[in-house]
Amino acid sequence: MPRLPSRTIGLGIGVDSVRAVSMRNDRVVWYKELAVDAGGPIAPTIDALFDAVPRSTTVPTRVVAAVGPSRSQLRRMEGLPAIQDTAVLAALIAQHPGRFFLDTDTQLCTTGVERLDDDTIWAGAIERSVVDDVTESCRRHGLRLAGVLPTAAALAHVYADGPATWRDGHVTLEIVSAKGGLQSCRRIWSVETNRNPDVATPMEESPREWDASRFADAIGAGRSNGTPLAHRPARRDLGLSVSRPRMLAAATACALGLGFGTLAPSLVASRDEHAARRELALLGASADEALRTERSLATSGATLHELDAFVHGSRSMTLVLADLTRAIPAPTMLVNIRLDSAGGTFVTLTPSPSDVLDALHSITAIVEPRIVGTVTPERAPVIPVTPQPGSAPAEPPPMLQRMTIRFDWAGATHVPRARGTT
């Protein structure tokens, strides 16, 4: 069966430029790049690209946008409940994006969840302002927006086997992909910039200037239609409405229905009789339906139990470390700390062990702090200082006590995995 023709516009959105390619059956037939005004919105640049792209009146066109690492994140998810349904996991991440992604000054739109063959889970987040600009531009030009995804997810469809590097302003993106999917993703911030010049010559007019690597994000976006690592706006967000022919057809059908209902009441009675007989037939199979419903409720109950345990038992390790830092009096020093599912253990150097134990009782997240093992005396670390001529000799460092303290979590039903020594 021959393949139906299709057109896709792939957008690559960076902090200083926006790239666009028009693809026909995964083959690039047009491309263009425009610079973005420093500190200005990206919507005018996207509108200019949509005005320039060749359009077809017979073949439907869809748009897929990839947002650079300066305005998007893609992370391997850890600490999620043991649920196989990726839609439930995506909804959980969307309700609490601050638990999984770095905090930014703008609101985030989360993507779907992708589970690889090795049970690795990936999810992404994109700044809502960028998603709104792309959505509004597509609505103004009558284009269907298929999705908005992080550039890291789009590059995985171009560099499918091996490492790749991408620059977006002050951010450098490093990814490693394999045939099974994305293996690693890292963002590196720097003070250097990578502003791309304006490239606006169509391929058919100047093929020698074509550089596929420069448009890798836009090409990857065009190839990634259908990937779960994309944010897909709802129909109401796209501003779609019912066309006039459909409204006319619905009005005609409504008028015909009213006419038949008025002129032929016997047809209405016959319809009611048929519906009653069909309902009686359905009641004969109610036992099997009830059994299937019971099984579905049992599965949903187990899923809700896992979600409830995760939401009420998870805690922020950053807040726990902040509480410890504020509670422990100076000049006590934390040598190392290890957190596990039951509580935590840390080693301190302090002149007064009793003061440390008293201070730990003020932290509500932990209970039963206690000394484990022996308390041994130890000199404070010596900081080498060059003596000044005529100055008094330096005093020896004070004697401190090394001790190990163990504590438990306060009423936790679920705690994060152990992260090792910090």
Protein backbone atom coordinates (compact mmCIF):
# COMPACT_ATOMS: atom_id res chain seq x y z
CA MET A 1 0.00 0.00 0.00
CA PRO A 2 1.58 3.36 -1.01
CA ARG A 3 2.44 5.75 1.78
CA LEU A 4 0.24 8.83 2.04
CA PRO A 5 2.10 12.14 1.63
CA SER A 6 2.61 14.25 4.73
CA ARG A 7 4.30 17.52 5.63
CA THR A 8 5.94 18.41 8.92
CA ILE A 9 7.41 21.73 10.02
CA GLY A 10 10.17 21.19 12.57
CA LEU A 11 11.10 24.14 14.78
CA GLY A 12 14.34 24.45 16.74
CA ILE A 13 13.95 27.23 19.33
CA GLY A 14 17.10 28.68 20.94
CA VAL A 15 17.78 31.76 23.03
CA ASP A 16 19.26 33.69 20.12
CA SER A 17 17.73 32.15 16.98
CA VAL A 18 14.89 29.97 15.71
CA ARG A 19 15.42 27.36 12.98
CA ALA A 20 12.70 25.84 10.82
CA VAL A 21 12.69 22.98 8.32
CA SER A 22 9.89 21.71 6.10
CA MET A 23 9.96 17.93 5.74
CA ARG A 24 8.09 15.79 3.26
CA ASN A 25 8.07 12.14 4.35
CA ASP A 26 11.16 12.70 6.59
CA ARG A 27 13.07 14.50 3.80
CA VAL A 28 14.06 18.16 4.26
CA VAL A 29 12.82 20.28 1.33
CA TRP A 30 13.13 23.78 2.83
CA TYR A 31 14.95 25.46 5.70
CA LYS A 32 15.47 28.86 7.23
CA GLU A 33 16.94 30.44 10.36
CA LEU A 34 16.13 33.83 11.90
CA ALA A 35 17.75 35.62 14.82
CA VAL A 36 15.79 36.54 17.95
CA ASP A 37 16.08 40.05 19.36
CA ALA A 38 18.11 40.02 22.57
CA GLY A 39 15.70 39.85 25.49
CA GLY A 40 12.68 40.01 23.19
CA PRO A 41 9.83 37.54 22.62
CA ILE A 42 10.15 34.67 20.18
CA ALA A 43 6.59 34.85 18.83
CA PRO A 44 7.42 37.43 16.06
CA THR A 45 10.32 35.26 14.87
CA ILE A 46 8.11 32.16 14.71
CA ASP A 47 5.43 34.13 12.83
CA ALA A 48 8.03 35.27 10.28
CA LEU A 49 9.16 31.66 9.70
CA PHE A 50 5.55 30.46 9.28
CA ASP A 51 4.96 33.26 6.75
CA ALA A 52 8.02 32.17 4.74
CA VAL A 53 7.54 28.38 4.76
CA PRO A 54 5.96 26.94 1.57
CA ARG A 55 2.43 25.72 2.28
CA SER A 56 0.35 23.04 0.56
CA THR A 57 -3.41 23.43 0.10
CA THR A 58 -4.00 19.69 -0.30
CA VAL A 59 -1.58 18.02 2.12
CA PRO A 60 -2.17 18.68 5.86
CA THR A 61 0.79 20.18 7.72
CA ARG A 62 1.70 19.59 11.35
CA VAL A 63 4.22 21.43 13.55
CA VAL A 64 6.61 19.92 16.10
CA ALA A 65 8.85 22.28 18.12
CA ALA A 66 12.06 21.52 20.02
CA VAL A 67 13.01 23.97 22.81
CA GLY A 68 16.70 24.42 23.64
CA PRO A 69 18.26 23.47 27.00
CA SER A 70 18.21 27.10 28.17
CA ARG A 71 14.41 26.88 28.43
CA SER A 72 13.80 23.15 28.84
CA GLN A 73 14.90 20.22 30.98
CA LEU A 74 15.09 16.47 30.38
CA ARG A 75 15.88 14.21 33.34
CA ARG A 76 16.02 10.57 34.30
CA MET A 77 13.28 10.13 36.91
CA GLU A 78 14.10 8.43 40.22
CA GLY A 79 12.08 7.86 43.37
CA LEU A 80 8.76 7.28 41.56
CA PRO A 81 6.25 4.73 42.86
CA ALA A 82 6.29 1.24 41.35
CA ILE A 83 3.51 1.85 38.79
CA GLN A 84 3.67 0.55 35.23
CA ASP A 85 1.07 2.95 33.83
CA THR A 86 3.12 5.82 32.32
CA ALA A 87 0.02 8.03 32.09
CA VAL A 88 -0.39 7.90 35.88
CA LEU A 89 3.32 8.70 36.36
CA ALA A 90 3.08 11.64 33.94
CA ALA A 91 0.07 13.00 35.85
CA LEU A 92 1.97 12.67 39.14
CA ILE A 93 4.96 14.61 37.75
CA ALA A 94 2.66 17.28 36.28
CA GLN A 95 1.04 17.87 39.70
CA HIS A 96 4.39 18.28 41.50
CA PRO A 97 6.96 19.54 38.90
CA GLY A 98 9.06 21.22 41.60
CA ARG A 99 9.97 17.83 43.10
CA PHE A 100 11.52 16.56 39.88
CA PHE A 101 12.93 19.56 37.96
CA LEU A 102 15.14 22.52 38.81
CA ASP A 103 13.21 25.52 40.08
CA THR A 104 12.95 28.41 37.60
CA ASP A 105 11.37 31.86 37.63
CA THR A 106 8.68 30.78 35.14
CA GLN A 107 5.99 28.13 35.17
CA LEU A 108 6.78 24.76 33.60
CA CYS A 109 4.81 22.50 31.26
CA THR A 110 5.74 18.86 31.76
CA THR A 111 5.95 16.26 29.00
CA GLY A 112 4.84 12.66 28.93
CA VAL A 113 6.89 9.81 30.39
CA GLU A 114 9.02 7.38 28.37
CA ARG A 115 9.95 4.01 29.89
CA LEU A 116 12.88 2.25 28.18
CA ASP A 117 13.52 -1.48 27.98
CA ASP A 118 15.78 -1.34 31.05
CA ASP A 119 12.94 0.32 33.07
CA THR A 120 14.70 3.69 32.92
CA ILE A 121 12.12 6.49 33.05
CA TRP A 122 12.65 9.86 31.33
CA ALA A 123 10.49 12.99 31.50
CA GLY A 124 10.93 16.62 30.53
CA ALA A 125 9.73 20.13 31.31
CA ILE A 126 9.46 23.27 29.16
CA GLU A 127 8.88 26.90 30.10
CA ARG A 128 5.17 27.66 29.72
CA SER A 129 5.80 31.02 28.04
CA VAL A 130 7.60 29.31 25.13
CA VAL A 131 4.80 26.74 24.75
CA ASP A 132 2.21 29.54 24.73
CA ASP A 133 4.13 31.49 22.05
CA VAL A 134 4.35 28.43 19.76
CA THR A 135 0.67 27.57 20.35
CA GLU A 136 -0.52 31.09 19.54
CA SER A 137 1.63 31.28 16.38
CA CYS A 138 0.22 27.97 15.11
CA ARG A 139 -3.32 29.14 15.84
CA ARG A 140 -2.81 32.41 13.96
CA HIS A 141 -1.47 30.57 10.89
CA GLY A 142 -3.99 27.71 10.94
CA LEU A 143 -1.36 25.03 11.64
CA ARG A 144 -1.83 21.96 13.81
CA LEU A 145 0.64 21.81 16.70
CA ALA A 146 1.53 18.13 17.26
CA GLY A 147 3.80 18.71 20.27
CA VAL A 148 6.58 20.67 21.98
CA LEU A 149 9.55 18.72 23.37
CA PRO A 150 13.02 19.41 24.82
CA THR A 151 15.86 19.61 22.31
CA ALA A 152 17.60 16.71 24.08
CA ALA A 153 14.70 14.41 23.15
CA ALA A 154 14.72 15.68 19.56
CA LEU A 155 18.49 15.13 19.14
CA ALA A 156 18.05 11.50 20.17
CA HIS A 157 16.13 11.01 16.88
CA VAL A 158 19.06 12.43 14.89
CA TYR A 159 22.06 10.98 16.78
CA ALA A 160 20.50 7.61 17.53
CA ASP A 161 23.73 5.79 18.42
CA GLY A 162 26.54 7.68 20.15
CA PRO A 163 27.31 10.99 21.89
CA ALA A 164 26.23 14.44 20.71
CA THR A 165 26.81 18.03 21.86
CA TRP A 166 24.53 21.04 21.35
CA ARG A 167 25.11 24.70 22.24
CA ASP A 168 22.27 27.06 23.19
CA GLY A 169 23.49 30.42 24.43
CA HIS A 170 25.20 29.89 27.79
CA VAL A 171 24.22 26.22 27.98
CA THR A 172 25.98 23.22 26.47
CA LEU A 173 23.95 20.03 26.15
CA GLU A 174 25.67 16.62 26.15
CA ILE A 175 23.66 13.49 25.36
CA VAL A 176 24.48 9.85 24.73
CA SER A 177 22.00 7.74 22.77
CA ALA A 178 21.82 4.08 21.84
CA LYS A 179 19.39 1.93 19.90
CA GLY A 180 17.42 1.34 23.09
CA GLY A 181 16.90 5.10 23.64
CA LEU A 182 18.51 8.00 25.49
CA GLN A 183 21.25 6.86 27.89
CA SER A 184 22.41 10.10 29.52
CA CYS A 185 21.72 13.85 29.34
CA ARG A 186 23.69 16.69 30.97
CA ARG A 187 23.47 20.49 30.83
CA ILE A 188 26.64 22.54 31.36
CA TRP A 189 26.44 26.30 31.98
CA SER A 190 29.20 28.60 30.72
CA VAL A 191 29.80 32.30 30.10
CA GLU A 192 30.46 31.85 26.37
CA THR A 193 27.69 32.28 23.82
CA ASN A 194 26.99 30.54 20.51
CA ARG A 195 24.92 32.96 18.50
CA ASN A 196 24.11 31.57 15.07
CA PRO A 197 24.00 33.95 12.07
CA ASP A 198 20.87 34.33 9.98
CA VAL A 199 20.56 31.62 7.31
CA ALA A 200 17.59 32.29 5.03
CA THR A 201 18.45 30.71 1.65
CA PRO A 202 16.18 27.83 0.51
CA MET A 203 17.87 24.50 -0.22
CA GLU A 204 16.91 24.42 -3.89
CA GLU A 205 18.48 27.85 -4.49
CA SER A 206 21.79 27.36 -2.60
CA PRO A 207 22.36 23.68 -1.72
CA ARG A 208 26.04 24.24 -0.89
CA GLU A 209 25.14 26.28 2.20
CA TRP A 210 23.06 23.50 3.72
CA ASP A 211 24.48 22.23 7.02
CA ALA A 212 22.35 19.46 8.54
CA SER A 213 24.16 19.59 11.89
CA ARG A 214 23.18 23.26 12.29
CA PHE A 215 19.49 22.32 11.95
CA ALA A 216 19.73 19.06 13.95
CA ASP A 217 17.22 20.24 16.57
CA ALA A 218 14.61 21.18 13.96
CA ILE A 219 15.18 17.93 12.00
CA GLY A 220 14.91 15.89 15.19
CA ALA A 221 11.65 17.67 16.03
CA GLY A 222 10.24 16.78 12.62
CA ARG A 223 11.20 13.14 13.06
CA SER A 224 9.91 12.83 16.63
CA ASN A 225 6.19 13.15 15.98
CA GLY A 226 4.48 10.68 18.34
CA THR A 227 7.24 10.55 20.96
CA PRO A 228 5.95 10.45 24.57
CA LEU A 229 8.56 13.04 25.62
CA ALA A 230 6.45 15.92 24.28
CA HIS A 231 3.92 18.36 25.69
CA ARG A 232 0.74 18.31 23.62
CA PRO A 233 -1.61 21.29 24.17
CA ALA A 234 -5.29 20.53 24.66
CA ARG A 235 -7.73 21.24 21.88
CA ARG A 236 -9.14 24.26 23.75
CA ASP A 237 -5.59 25.71 24.05
CA LEU A 238 -5.15 25.50 20.28
CA GLY A 239 -8.20 27.67 19.70
CA LEU A 240 -9.81 25.09 17.38
CA SER A 241 -13.48 25.53 16.61
CA VAL A 242 -16.15 23.74 14.62
CA SER A 243 -16.18 24.74 10.96
CA ARG A 244 -19.19 26.38 9.32
CA PRO A 245 -20.06 23.34 7.12
CA ARG A 246 -20.14 21.13 10.17
CA MET A 247 -22.33 23.58 12.04
CA LEU A 248 -24.72 23.69 9.07
CA ALA A 249 -24.84 19.90 8.91
CA ALA A 250 -25.57 19.68 12.64
CA ALA A 251 -28.35 22.26 12.36
CA THR A 252 -29.91 20.36 9.44
CA ALA A 253 -29.79 17.09 11.35
CA CYS A 254 -31.37 18.75 14.37
CA ALA A 255 -34.19 20.16 12.25
CA LEU A 256 -34.85 16.78 10.64
CA GLY A 257 -34.92 15.14 14.07
CA LEU A 258 -37.45 17.62 15.37
CA GLY A 259 -39.59 17.09 12.30
CA PHE A 260 -39.63 13.33 12.64
CA GLY A 261 -40.34 13.61 16.36
CA THR A 262 -43.33 15.83 15.72
CA LEU A 263 -44.81 14.10 12.68
CA ALA A 264 -44.13 10.48 13.59
CA PRO A 265 -44.57 9.85 17.34
CA SER A 266 -44.87 6.16 16.60
CA LEU A 267 -41.20 6.16 15.56
CA VAL A 268 -40.32 7.59 18.96
CA ALA A 269 -42.29 4.87 20.71
CA SER A 270 -40.61 2.22 18.56
CA ARG A 271 -37.20 3.67 19.41
CA ASP A 272 -37.99 3.57 23.14
CA GLU A 273 -39.15 -0.03 22.83
CA HIS A 274 -35.95 -1.00 21.04
CA ALA A 275 -33.86 0.74 23.68
CA ALA A 276 -35.70 -1.11 26.44
CA ARG A 277 -35.10 -4.47 24.77
CA ARG A 278 -31.42 -3.66 24.31
CA GLU A 279 -31.13 -2.71 27.97
CA LEU A 280 -32.70 -6.01 29.01
CA ALA A 281 -30.20 -7.86 26.83
CA LEU A 282 -27.34 -6.01 28.45
CA LEU A 283 -28.60 -6.95 31.91
CA GLY A 284 -28.10 -10.61 31.00
CA ALA A 285 -24.34 -10.04 30.85
CA SER A 286 -24.19 -7.92 34.02
CA ALA A 287 -22.40 -10.65 36.01
CA ASP A 288 -19.33 -10.61 33.73
CA GLU A 289 -19.32 -6.82 33.68
CA ALA A 290 -19.47 -6.68 37.47
CA LEU A 291 -16.52 -9.07 37.71
CA ARG A 292 -14.45 -6.95 35.33
CA THR A 293 -15.38 -3.83 37.29
CA GLU A 294 -14.31 -5.46 40.53
CA ARG A 295 -10.91 -6.36 39.06
CA SER A 296 -10.48 -2.83 37.71
CA LEU A 297 -11.33 -1.35 41.12
CA ALA A 298 -8.77 -3.62 42.79
CA THR A 299 -6.07 -2.45 40.36
CA SER A 300 -7.06 1.20 40.82
CA GLY A 301 -7.04 0.78 44.61
CA ALA A 302 -3.50 -0.60 44.53
CA THR A 303 -2.38 2.29 42.30
CA LEU A 304 -3.99 4.89 44.59
CA HIS A 305 -2.33 3.25 47.60
CA GLU A 306 1.09 3.55 45.95
CA LEU A 307 0.43 7.20 45.04
CA ASP A 308 -0.80 8.04 48.56
CA ALA A 309 2.25 6.43 50.13
CA PHE A 310 4.54 8.33 47.78
CA VAL A 311 2.88 11.76 48.27
CA HIS A 312 2.64 11.55 52.08
CA GLY A 313 5.96 9.83 52.70
CA SER A 314 8.33 11.64 50.40
CA ARG A 315 10.32 14.50 51.78
CA SER A 316 12.84 16.98 50.40
CA MET A 317 16.43 16.07 51.22
CA THR A 318 17.37 19.71 50.65
CA LEU A 319 15.05 20.80 53.48
CA VAL A 320 16.39 18.08 55.81
CA LEU A 321 19.98 19.21 55.19
CA ALA A 322 18.91 22.84 55.70
CA ASP A 323 17.30 21.96 59.07
CA LEU A 324 20.46 20.14 60.17
CA THR A 325 22.64 23.10 59.16
CA ARG A 326 20.49 25.59 61.09
CA ALA A 327 20.09 23.40 64.19
CA ILE A 328 23.68 22.27 64.79
CA PRO A 329 25.54 24.97 66.75
CA ALA A 330 28.92 26.37 65.71
CA PRO A 331 31.74 25.39 65.72
CA THR A 332 30.42 21.85 65.17
CA MET A 333 31.47 20.35 61.81
CA LEU A 334 29.65 17.69 59.77
CA VAL A 335 32.22 15.21 58.45
CA ASN A 336 29.81 13.07 56.40
CA ILE A 337 26.14 12.11 56.28
CA ARG A 338 24.29 9.09 54.92
CA LEU A 339 20.51 8.83 54.49
CA ASP A 340 18.56 5.59 54.11
CA SER A 341 14.96 4.40 54.20
CA ALA A 342 14.85 4.23 58.03
CA GLY A 343 16.64 7.45 58.89
CA GLY A 344 20.18 8.71 58.69
CA THR A 345 23.67 8.64 60.19
CA PHE A 346 26.22 11.45 60.31
CA VAL A 347 29.64 12.01 61.88
CA THR A 348 30.48 15.30 63.61
CA LEU A 349 33.45 17.02 65.23
CA THR A 350 32.15 19.07 68.14
CA PRO A 351 33.37 20.49 71.46
CA SER A 352 30.07 19.58 73.15
CA PRO A 353 28.24 16.37 72.12
CA SER A 354 25.33 17.11 74.45
CA ASP A 355 24.63 20.44 72.72
CA VAL A 356 24.41 18.66 69.35
CA LEU A 357 21.90 16.10 70.69
CA ASP A 358 19.79 18.86 72.26
CA ALA A 359 19.76 20.80 69.01
CA LEU A 360 18.61 17.76 66.99
CA HIS A 361 15.43 17.48 69.08
CA SER A 362 14.23 20.76 67.53
CA ILE A 363 14.02 19.21 64.03
CA THR A 364 10.50 17.85 63.45
CA ALA A 365 11.50 15.60 60.53
CA ILE A 366 13.70 13.32 62.69
CA VAL A 367 13.19 11.47 65.98
CA GLU A 368 15.31 9.59 68.52
CA PRO A 369 18.77 11.03 67.79
CA ARG A 370 21.36 8.90 69.58
CA ILE A 371 25.12 8.37 69.72
CA VAL A 372 26.34 5.23 67.98
CA GLY A 373 29.73 3.78 68.92
CA THR A 374 32.36 5.59 70.92
CA VAL A 375 33.17 9.27 71.30
CA THR A 376 36.84 9.94 70.60
CA PRO A 377 38.84 13.13 71.13
CA GLU A 378 40.43 14.72 68.09
CA ARG A 379 42.23 17.94 67.28
CA ALA A 380 40.53 20.40 64.96
CA PRO A 381 42.04 20.58 61.47
CA VAL A 382 45.07 22.86 61.27
CA ILE A 383 44.86 25.59 58.62
CA PRO A 384 48.41 26.53 57.54
CA VAL A 385 49.03 30.26 57.95
CA THR A 386 52.28 32.07 57.16
CA PRO A 387 53.42 33.78 60.42
CA GLN A 388 53.98 37.52 60.26
CA PRO A 389 57.21 38.97 61.62
CA GLY A 390 56.85 39.92 65.27
CA SER A 391 53.50 38.17 65.73
CA ALA A 392 52.76 35.84 68.62
CA PRO A 393 52.98 32.11 67.95
CA ALA A 394 49.72 30.52 66.82
CA GLU A 395 47.68 28.75 69.45
CA PRO A 396 47.19 25.02 69.06
CA PRO A 397 43.82 24.00 67.60
CA PRO A 398 41.10 23.18 70.15
CA MET A 399 40.29 19.62 71.15
CA LEU A 400 37.06 18.32 69.59
CA GLN A 401 35.00 15.14 70.05
CA ARG A 402 34.34 12.86 67.08
CA MET A 403 31.03 11.02 67.40
CA THR A 404 28.52 9.22 65.19
CA ILE A 405 24.82 10.04 65.58
CA ARG A 406 21.95 7.92 64.27
CA PHE A 407 18.35 9.20 63.87
CA ASP A 408 15.03 7.92 62.51
CA TRP A 409 12.44 9.58 60.24
CA ALA A 410 9.36 10.98 61.98
CA GLY A 411 6.34 8.83 61.03
CA ALA A 412 7.37 8.19 57.42
CA THR A 413 5.56 5.61 55.29
CA HIS A 414 7.87 6.06 52.33
CA VAL A 415 11.28 7.73 52.11
CA PRO A 416 13.63 8.41 49.18
CA ARG A 417 16.32 5.96 48.21
CA ALA A 418 19.75 6.23 49.75
CA ARG A 419 21.87 8.68 47.80
CA GLY A 420 25.25 7.72 49.26
CA THR A 421 27.63 9.94 51.20
CA THR A 422 27.49 13.70 50.84
